[in-house]
PDB file of N, CA and C in Angstrom:
ATOM      1  N   MET A   1       0.833  -1.179   0.000  1.00  0.00           N
ATOM      2  CA  MET A   1       0.000   0.000   0.000  1.00  0.00           C
ATOM      3  C   MET A   1       0.877   1.242   0.000  1.00  0.00           C
ATOM      4  N   LYS A   2       0.534   2.236  -0.807  1.00  0.00           N
ATOM      5  CA  LYS A   2       1.307   3.462  -0.896  1.00  0.00           C
ATOM      6  C   LYS A   2       0.745   4.513   0.050  1.00  0.00           C
ATOM      7  N   TYR A   3       1.651   5.344   0.579  1.00  0.00           N
ATOM      8  CA  TYR A   3       1.263   6.410   1.500  1.00  0.00           C
ATOM      9  C   TYR A   3       1.861   7.726   1.026  1.00  0.00           C
ATOM     10  N   LEU A   4       1.194   8.807   1.331  1.00  0.00           N
ATOM     11  CA  LEU A   4       1.682  10.143   1.024  1.00  0.00           C
ATOM     12  C   LEU A   4       1.756  10.959   2.303  1.00  0.00           C
ATOM     13  N   MET A   5       2.722  11.877   2.370  1.00  0.00           N
ATOM     14  CA  MET A   5       2.777  12.799   3.499  1.00  0.00           C
ATOM     15  C   MET A   5       1.637  13.797   3.349  1.00  0.00           C
ATOM     16  N   ASP A   6       1.106  14.240   4.441  1.00  0.00           N
ATOM     17  CA  ASP A   6       0.059  15.257   4.418  1.00  0.00           C
ATOM     18  C   ASP A   6       0.737  16.613   4.270  1.00  0.00           C
ATOM     19  N   ARG A   7       0.706  17.157   3.066  1.00  0.00           N
ATOM     20  CA  ARG A   7       1.438  18.398   2.788  1.00  0.00           C
ATOM     21  C   ARG A   7       0.877  19.594   3.532  1.00  0.00           C
ATOM     22  N   ASP A   8      -0.410  19.598   3.839  1.00  0.00           N
ATOM     23  CA  ASP A   8      -0.980  20.725   4.591  1.00  0.00           C
ATOM     24  C   ASP A   8      -0.412  20.785   6.008  1.00  0.00           C
ATOM     25  N   ILE A   9      -0.337  19.647   6.665  1.00  0.00           N
ATOM     26  CA  ILE A   9       0.182  19.608   8.033  1.00  0.00           C
ATOM     27  C   ILE A   9       1.665  19.947   8.050  1.00  0.00           C
ATOM     28  N   ILE A  10       2.408  19.400   7.109  1.00  0.00           N
ATOM     29  CA  ILE A  10       3.835  19.709   7.041  1.00  0.00           C
ATOM     30  C   ILE A  10       4.035  21.197   6.820  1.00  0.00           C
ATOM     31  N   GLY A  11       3.270  21.771   5.916  1.00  0.00           N
ATOM     32  CA  GLY A  11       3.369  23.203   5.639  1.00  0.00           C
ATOM     33  C   GLY A  11       3.067  24.060   6.859  1.00  0.00           C
ATOM     34  N   LYS A  12       2.035  23.674   7.592  1.00  0.00           N
ATOM     35  CA  LYS A  12       1.683  24.427   8.803  1.00  0.00           C
ATOM     36  C   LYS A  12       2.777  24.325   9.857  1.00  0.00           C
ATOM     37  N   ARG A  13       3.381  23.153   9.975  1.00  0.00           N
ATOM     38  CA  ARG A  13       4.461  22.981  10.951  1.00  0.00           C
ATOM     39  C   ARG A  13       5.698  23.777  10.556  1.00  0.00           C
ATOM     40  N   ILE A  14       5.992  23.837   9.265  1.00  0.00           N
ATOM     41  CA  ILE A  14       7.124  24.650   8.808  1.00  0.00           C
ATOM     42  C   ILE A  14       6.856  26.120   9.100  1.00  0.00           C
ATOM     43  N   ARG A  15       5.660  26.567   8.788  1.00  0.00           N
ATOM     44  CA  ARG A  15       5.302  27.972   9.033  1.00  0.00           C
ATOM     45  C   ARG A  15       5.408  28.301  10.522  1.00  0.00           C
ATOM     46  N   MET A  16       4.892  27.408  11.369  1.00  0.00           N
ATOM     47  CA  MET A  16       4.941  27.631  12.810  1.00  0.00           C
ATOM     48  C   MET A  16       6.397  27.721  13.291  1.00  0.00           C
ATOM     49  N   ALA A  17       7.231  26.814  12.817  1.00  0.00           N
ATOM     50  CA  ALA A  17       8.644  26.829  13.225  1.00  0.00           C
ATOM     51  C   ALA A  17       9.340  28.091  12.741  1.00  0.00           C
ATOM     52  N   ARG A  18       9.028  28.519  11.526  1.00  0.00           N
ATOM     53  CA  ARG A  18       9.628  29.743  10.975  1.00  0.00           C
ATOM     54  C   ARG A  18       9.220  30.961  11.787  1.00  0.00           C
ATOM     55  N   ILE A  19       7.955  31.059  12.111  1.00  0.00           N
ATOM     56  CA  ILE A  19       7.456  32.204  12.884  1.00  0.00           C
ATOM     57  C   ILE A  19       8.029  32.189  14.297  1.00  0.00           C
ATOM     58  N   MET A  20       8.116  31.006  14.897  1.00  0.00           N
ATOM     59  CA  MET A  20       8.673  30.909  16.249  1.00  0.00           C
ATOM     60  C   MET A  20      10.136  31.346  16.276  1.00  0.00           C
ATOM     61  N   ARG A  21      10.830  31.196  15.156  1.00  0.00           N
ATOM     62  CA  ARG A  21      12.225  31.619  15.069  1.00  0.00           C
ATOM     63  C   ARG A  21      12.352  33.035  14.525  1.00  0.00           C
ATOM     64  N   ASN A  22      11.199  33.683  14.364  1.00  0.00           N
ATOM     65  CA  ASN A  22      11.151  35.089  13.987  1.00  0.00           C
ATOM     66  C   ASN A  22      11.914  35.372  12.692  1.00  0.00           C
ATOM     67  N   THR A  23      11.675  34.532  11.686  1.00  0.00           N
ATOM     68  CA  THR A  23      12.337  34.726  10.403  1.00  0.00           C
ATOM     69  C   THR A  23      11.296  34.844   9.293  1.00  0.00           C
ATOM     70  N   THR A  24      11.672  35.462   8.209  1.00  0.00           N
ATOM     71  CA  THR A  24      10.763  35.652   7.082  1.00  0.00           C
ATOM     72  C   THR A  24      10.902  34.495   6.094  1.00  0.00           C
ATOM     73  N   MET A  25       9.915  34.376   5.214  1.00  0.00           N
ATOM     74  CA  MET A  25      10.005  33.373   4.157  1.00  0.00           C
ATOM     75  C   MET A  25      11.206  33.663   3.263  1.00  0.00           C
ATOM     76  N   LYS A  26      11.433  34.937   2.994  1.00  0.00           N
ATOM     77  CA  LYS A  26      12.545  35.325   2.125  1.00  0.00           C
ATOM     78  C   LYS A  26      13.889  34.908   2.733  1.00  0.00           C
ATOM     79  N   LYS A  27      14.063  35.160   4.028  1.00  0.00           N
ATOM     80  CA  LYS A  27      15.320  34.801   4.688  1.00  0.00           C
ATOM     81  C   LYS A  27      15.474  33.286   4.755  1.00  0.00           C
ATOM     82  N   LEU A  28      14.402  32.572   5.092  1.00  0.00           N
ATOM     83  CA  LEU A  28      14.455  31.112   5.146  1.00  0.00           C
ATOM     84  C   LEU A  28      14.815  30.547   3.777  1.00  0.00           C
ATOM     85  N   ALA A  29      14.174  31.063   2.748  1.00  0.00           N
ATOM     86  CA  ALA A  29      14.444  30.596   1.388  1.00  0.00           C
ATOM     87  C   ALA A  29      15.906  30.820   1.010  1.00  0.00           C
ATOM     88  N   TYR A  30      16.421  31.998   1.310  1.00  0.00           N
ATOM     89  CA  TYR A  30      17.820  32.313   0.996  1.00  0.00           C
ATOM     90  C   TYR A  30      18.767  31.338   1.691  1.00  0.00           C
ATOM     91  N   GLU A  31      18.525  31.101   2.971  1.00  0.00           N
ATOM     92  CA  GLU A  31      19.398  30.211   3.737  1.00  0.00           C
ATOM     93  C   GLU A  31      19.273  28.751   3.292  1.00  0.00           C
ATOM     94  N   CYS A  32      18.125  28.391   2.714  1.00  0.00           N
ATOM     95  CA  CYS A  32      17.920  27.028   2.221  1.00  0.00           C
ATOM     96  C   CYS A  32      18.393  26.861   0.774  1.00  0.00           C
ATOM     97  N   GLY A  33      18.633  27.965   0.093  1.00  0.00           N
ATOM     98  CA  GLY A  33      19.043  27.890  -1.302  1.00  0.00           C
ATOM     99  C   GLY A  33      17.895  27.611  -2.254  1.00  0.00           C
ATOM    100  N   ILE A  34      16.689  28.043  -1.860  1.00  0.00           N
ATOM    101  CA  ILE A  34      15.509  27.879  -2.701  1.00  0.00           C
ATOM    102  C   ILE A  34      14.792  29.224  -2.781  1.00  0.00           C
ATOM    103  N   THR A  35      13.722  29.296  -3.540  1.00  0.00           N
ATOM    104  CA  THR A  35      13.012  30.566  -3.693  1.00  0.00           C
ATOM    105  C   THR A  35      11.975  30.758  -2.588  1.00  0.00           C
ATOM    106  N   SER A  36      11.633  32.019  -2.353  1.00  0.00           N
ATOM    107  CA  SER A  36      10.589  32.306  -1.363  1.00  0.00           C
ATOM    108  C   SER A  36       9.236  31.804  -1.868  1.00  0.00           C
ATOM    109  N   GLU A  37       9.064  31.732  -3.183  1.00  0.00           N
ATOM    110  CA  GLU A  37       7.830  31.181  -3.746  1.00  0.00           C
ATOM    111  C   GLU A  37       7.687  29.705  -3.377  1.00  0.00           C
ATOM    112  N   THR A  38       8.806  28.990  -3.383  1.00  0.00           N
ATOM    113  CA  THR A  38       8.771  27.577  -2.990  1.00  0.00           C
ATOM    114  C   THR A  38       8.369  27.438  -1.531  1.00  0.00           C
ATOM    115  N   ILE A  39       8.962  28.257  -0.675  1.00  0.00           N
ATOM    116  CA  ILE A  39       8.595  28.238   0.754  1.00  0.00           C
ATOM    117  C   ILE A  39       7.110  28.533   0.912  1.00  0.00           C
ATOM    118  N   GLY A  40       6.626  29.541   0.209  1.00  0.00           N
ATOM    119  CA  GLY A  40       5.210  29.907   0.291  1.00  0.00           C
ATOM    120  C   GLY A  40       4.297  28.774  -0.131  1.00  0.00           C
ATOM    121  N   CYS A  41       4.635  28.121  -1.238  1.00  0.00           N
ATOM    122  CA  CYS A  41       3.817  26.996  -1.722  1.00  0.00           C
ATOM    123  C   CYS A  41       3.835  25.833  -0.737  1.00  0.00           C
ATOM    124  N   VAL A  42       4.986  25.570  -0.161  1.00  0.00           N
ATOM    125  CA  VAL A  42       5.088  24.488   0.825  1.00  0.00           C
ATOM    126  C   VAL A  42       4.267  24.825   2.061  1.00  0.00           C
ATOM    127  N   GLU A  43       4.404  26.043   2.570  1.00  0.00           N
ATOM    128  CA  GLU A  43       3.662  26.435   3.775  1.00  0.00           C
ATOM    129  C   GLU A  43       2.158  26.414   3.555  1.00  0.00           C
ATOM    130  N   ARG A  44       1.710  26.731   2.356  1.00  0.00           N
ATOM    131  CA  ARG A  44       0.272  26.730   2.062  1.00  0.00           C
ATOM    132  C   ARG A  44      -0.236  25.355   1.645  1.00  0.00           C
ATOM    133  N   GLY A  45       0.666  24.373   1.554  1.00  0.00           N
ATOM    134  CA  GLY A  45       0.260  23.030   1.173  1.00  0.00           C
ATOM    135  C   GLY A  45      -0.070  22.899  -0.298  1.00  0.00           C
ATOM    136  N   LYS A  46       0.488  23.766  -1.121  1.00  0.00           N
ATOM    137  CA  LYS A  46       0.194  23.737  -2.557  1.00  0.00           C
ATOM    138  C   LYS A  46       1.003  22.686  -3.298  1.00  0.00           C
ATOM    139  N   ASN A  47       2.160  22.317  -2.761  1.00  0.00           N
ATOM    140  CA  ASN A  47       2.939  21.264  -3.404  1.00  0.00           C
ATOM    141  C   ASN A  47       3.676  20.445  -2.359  1.00  0.00           C
ATOM    142  N   TYR A  48       4.107  19.272  -2.795  1.00  0.00           N
ATOM    143  CA  TYR A  48       4.884  18.408  -1.913  1.00  0.00           C
ATOM    144  C   TYR A  48       6.337  18.867  -1.948  1.00  0.00           C
ATOM    145  N   PRO A  49       6.921  19.153  -0.802  1.00  0.00           N
ATOM    146  CA  PRO A  49       8.332  19.534  -0.803  1.00  0.00           C
ATOM    147  C   PRO A  49       9.209  18.322  -1.100  1.00  0.00           C
ATOM    148  N   SER A  50      10.299  18.561  -1.822  1.00  0.00           N
ATOM    149  CA  SER A  50      11.239  17.474  -2.081  1.00  0.00           C
ATOM    150  C   SER A  50      11.974  17.137  -0.787  1.00  0.00           C
ATOM    151  N   LEU A  51      12.618  15.998  -0.779  1.00  0.00           N
ATOM    152  CA  LEU A  51      13.408  15.619   0.385  1.00  0.00           C
ATOM    153  C   LEU A  51      14.511  16.647   0.627  1.00  0.00           C
ATOM    154  N   PHE A  52      15.137  17.124  -0.448  1.00  0.00           N
ATOM    155  CA  PHE A  52      16.164  18.152  -0.327  1.00  0.00           C
ATOM    156  C   PHE A  52      15.599  19.385   0.381  1.00  0.00           C
ATOM    157  N   THR A  53      14.408  19.819  -0.038  1.00  0.00           N
ATOM    158  CA  THR A  53      13.782  21.004   0.558  1.00  0.00           C
ATOM    159  C   THR A  53      13.466  20.772   2.028  1.00  0.00           C
ATOM    160  N   ILE A  54      12.907  19.621   2.353  1.00  0.00           N
ATOM    161  CA  ILE A  54      12.587  19.316   3.747  1.00  0.00           C
ATOM    162  C   ILE A  54      13.850  19.320   4.606  1.00  0.00           C
ATOM    163  N   LEU A  55      14.890  18.671   4.125  1.00  0.00           N
ATOM    164  CA  LEU A  55      16.142  18.617   4.893  1.00  0.00           C
ATOM    165  C   LEU A  55      16.768  20.007   5.054  1.00  0.00           C
ATOM    166  N   ALA A  56      16.733  20.801   4.000  1.00  0.00           N
ATOM    167  CA  ALA A  56      17.287  22.159   4.082  1.00  0.00           C
ATOM    168  C   ALA A  56      16.514  23.001   5.094  1.00  0.00           C
ATOM    169  N   ILE A  57      15.197  22.926   5.051  1.00  0.00           N
ATOM    170  CA  ILE A  57      14.365  23.691   5.986  1.00  0.00           C
ATOM    171  C   ILE A  57      14.626  23.237   7.420  1.00  0.00           C
ATOM    172  N   CYS A  58      14.669  21.939   7.633  1.00  0.00           N
ATOM    173  CA  CYS A  58      14.932  21.416   8.977  1.00  0.00           C
ATOM    174  C   CYS A  58      16.294  21.885   9.483  1.00  0.00           C
ATOM    175  N   ASN A  59      17.283  21.870   8.619  1.00  0.00           N
ATOM    176  CA  ASN A  59      18.622  22.304   9.001  1.00  0.00           C
ATOM    177  C   ASN A  59      18.637  23.780   9.386  1.00  0.00           C
ATOM    178  N   VAL A  60      18.038  24.624   8.564  1.00  0.00           N
ATOM    179  CA  VAL A  60      18.036  26.064   8.831  1.00  0.00           C
ATOM    180  C   VAL A  60      17.214  26.400  10.073  1.00  0.00           C
ATOM    181  N   LEU A  61      16.059  25.761  10.227  1.00  0.00           N
ATOM    182  CA  LEU A  61      15.199  26.049  11.378  1.00  0.00           C
ATOM    183  C   LEU A  61      15.592  25.263  12.622  1.00  0.00           C
ATOM    184  N   ASP A  62      16.587  24.391  12.479  1.00  0.00           N
ATOM    185  CA  ASP A  62      17.084  23.581  13.585  1.00  0.00           C
ATOM    186  C   ASP A  62      15.972  22.741  14.213  1.00  0.00           C
ATOM    187  N   ILE A  63      15.261  22.022  13.345  1.00  0.00           N
ATOM    188  CA  ILE A  63      14.223  21.114  13.818  1.00  0.00           C
ATOM    189  C   ILE A  63      14.502  19.723  13.256  1.00  0.00           C
ATOM    190  N   ASP A  64      14.065  18.714  13.970  1.00  0.00           N
ATOM    191  CA  ASP A  64      14.232  17.331  13.553  1.00  0.00           C
ATOM    192  C   ASP A  64      13.203  17.025  12.471  1.00  0.00           C
ATOM    193  N   ILE A  65      13.613  16.307  11.453  1.00  0.00           N
ATOM    194  CA  ILE A  65      12.704  15.974  10.354  1.00  0.00           C
ATOM    195  C   ILE A  65      11.470  15.226  10.853  1.00  0.00           C
ATOM    196  N   ARG A  66      11.627  14.447  11.920  1.00  0.00           N
ATOM    197  CA  ARG A  66      10.475  13.716  12.469  1.00  0.00           C
ATOM    198  C   ARG A  66       9.399  14.658  12.984  1.00  0.00           C
ATOM    199  N   THR A  67       9.787  15.872  13.367  1.00  0.00           N
ATOM    200  CA  THR A  67       8.826  16.877  13.808  1.00  0.00           C
ATOM    201  C   THR A  67       7.849  17.201  12.689  1.00  0.00           C
ATOM    202  N   LEU A  68       8.334  17.203  11.470  1.00  0.00           N
ATOM    203  CA  LEU A  68       7.481  17.545  10.335  1.00  0.00           C
ATOM    204  C   LEU A  68       6.662  16.371   9.822  1.00  0.00           C
ATOM    205  N   VAL A  69       7.251  15.194   9.793  1.00  0.00           N
ATOM    206  CA  VAL A  69       6.593  14.090   9.098  1.00  0.00           C
ATOM    207  C   VAL A  69       5.943  13.045   9.992  1.00  0.00           C
ATOM    208  N   SER A  70       6.144  13.116  11.299  1.00  0.00           N
ATOM    209  CA  SER A  70       5.542  12.099  12.163  1.00  0.00           C
ATOM    210  C   SER A  70       4.024  12.189  12.137  1.00  0.00           C
ATOM    211  N   ASN A  71       3.409  11.040  12.047  1.00  0.00           N
ATOM    212  CA  ASN A  71       1.941  10.936  12.017  1.00  0.00           C
ATOM    213  C   ASN A  71       1.312  11.740  10.890  1.00  0.00           C
ATOM    214  N   ASN A  72       2.046  11.938   9.808  1.00  0.00           N
ATOM    215  CA  ASN A  72       1.531  12.714   8.688  1.00  0.00           C
ATOM    216  C   ASN A  72       1.381  11.869   7.441  1.00  0.00           C
ATOM    217  N   LYS A  73       0.843  10.685   7.599  1.00  0.00           N
ATOM    218  CA  LYS A  73       0.656   9.830   6.434  1.00  0.00           C
ATOM    219  C   LYS A  73      -0.826   9.555   6.246  1.00  0.00           C
ATOM    220  N   ILE A  74      -1.235   9.534   5.003  1.00  0.00           N
ATOM    221  CA  ILE A  74      -2.602   9.153   4.682  1.00  0.00           C
ATOM    222  C   ILE A  74      -2.549   8.054   3.634  1.00  0.00           C
ATOM    223  N   ARG A  75      -3.493   7.163   3.673  1.00  0.00           N
ATOM    224  CA  ARG A  75      -3.550   6.118   2.666  1.00  0.00           C
ATOM    225  C   ARG A  75      -4.160   6.696   1.400  1.00  0.00           C
ATOM    226  N   LEU A  76      -3.715   6.201   0.278  1.00  0.00           N
ATOM    227  CA  LEU A  76      -4.233   6.698  -0.993  1.00  0.00           C
ATOM    228  C   LEU A  76      -5.721   6.425  -1.169  1.00  0.00           C
ATOM    229  N   ASP A  77      -6.243   5.453  -0.443  1.00  0.00           N
ATOM    230  CA  ASP A  77      -7.676   5.163  -0.568  1.00  0.00           C
ATOM    231  C   ASP A  77      -8.499   6.094   0.324  1.00  0.00           C
ATOM    232  N   GLY A  78      -7.841   7.093   0.945  1.00  0.00           N
ATOM    233  CA  GLY A  78      -8.563   8.102   1.710  1.00  0.00           C
ATOM    234  C   GLY A  78      -8.760   7.793   3.178  1.00  0.00           C
ATOM    235  N   MET A  79      -8.452   6.574   3.602  1.00  0.00           N
ATOM    236  CA  MET A  79      -8.619   6.233   5.004  1.00  0.00           C
ATOM    237  C   MET A  79      -7.406   6.701   5.779  1.00  0.00           C
ATOM    238  N   LYS A  80      -7.616   7.136   6.991  1.00  0.00           N
ATOM    239  CA  LYS A  80      -6.508   7.596   7.816  1.00  0.00           C
ATOM    240  C   LYS A  80      -5.629   6.429   8.217  1.00  0.00           C
ATOM    241  N   TRP A  81      -4.347   6.698   8.284  1.00  0.00           N
ATOM    242  CA  TRP A  81      -3.357   5.697   8.663  1.00  0.00           C
ATOM    243  C   TRP A  81      -2.966   5.900  10.103  1.00  0.00           C
ATOM    244  N   ALA A  82      -2.943   4.848  10.858  1.00  0.00           N
ATOM    245  CA  ALA A  82      -2.549   4.944  12.273  1.00  0.00           C
ATOM    246  C   ALA A  82      -1.436   3.968  12.535  1.00  0.00           C
ATOM    247  N   GLU A  83      -0.505   4.371  13.389  1.00  0.00           N
ATOM    248  CA  GLU A  83       0.609   3.500  13.746  1.00  0.00           C
ATOM    249  C   GLU A  83       0.232   2.643  14.931  1.00  0.00           C
TER     250      GLU A  83
END
């Protein structure tokens, strides 16, 4: 069975971490080596961030990747996934 990360939840967690660290999307994007448009799309849940993007954001914001992706899986058939 295939699973996808919940991009809305990941985006909200990234936004929360960014705001808690009092940084802008532009500054975060610069430090991650990506565009502020990419950060905006990720935070709004408009696209799935690549692994590179997730790792870069976690590194810059000093958060563990598990903080973003834990319990954030949904089954493709629409049923919630539980561990």
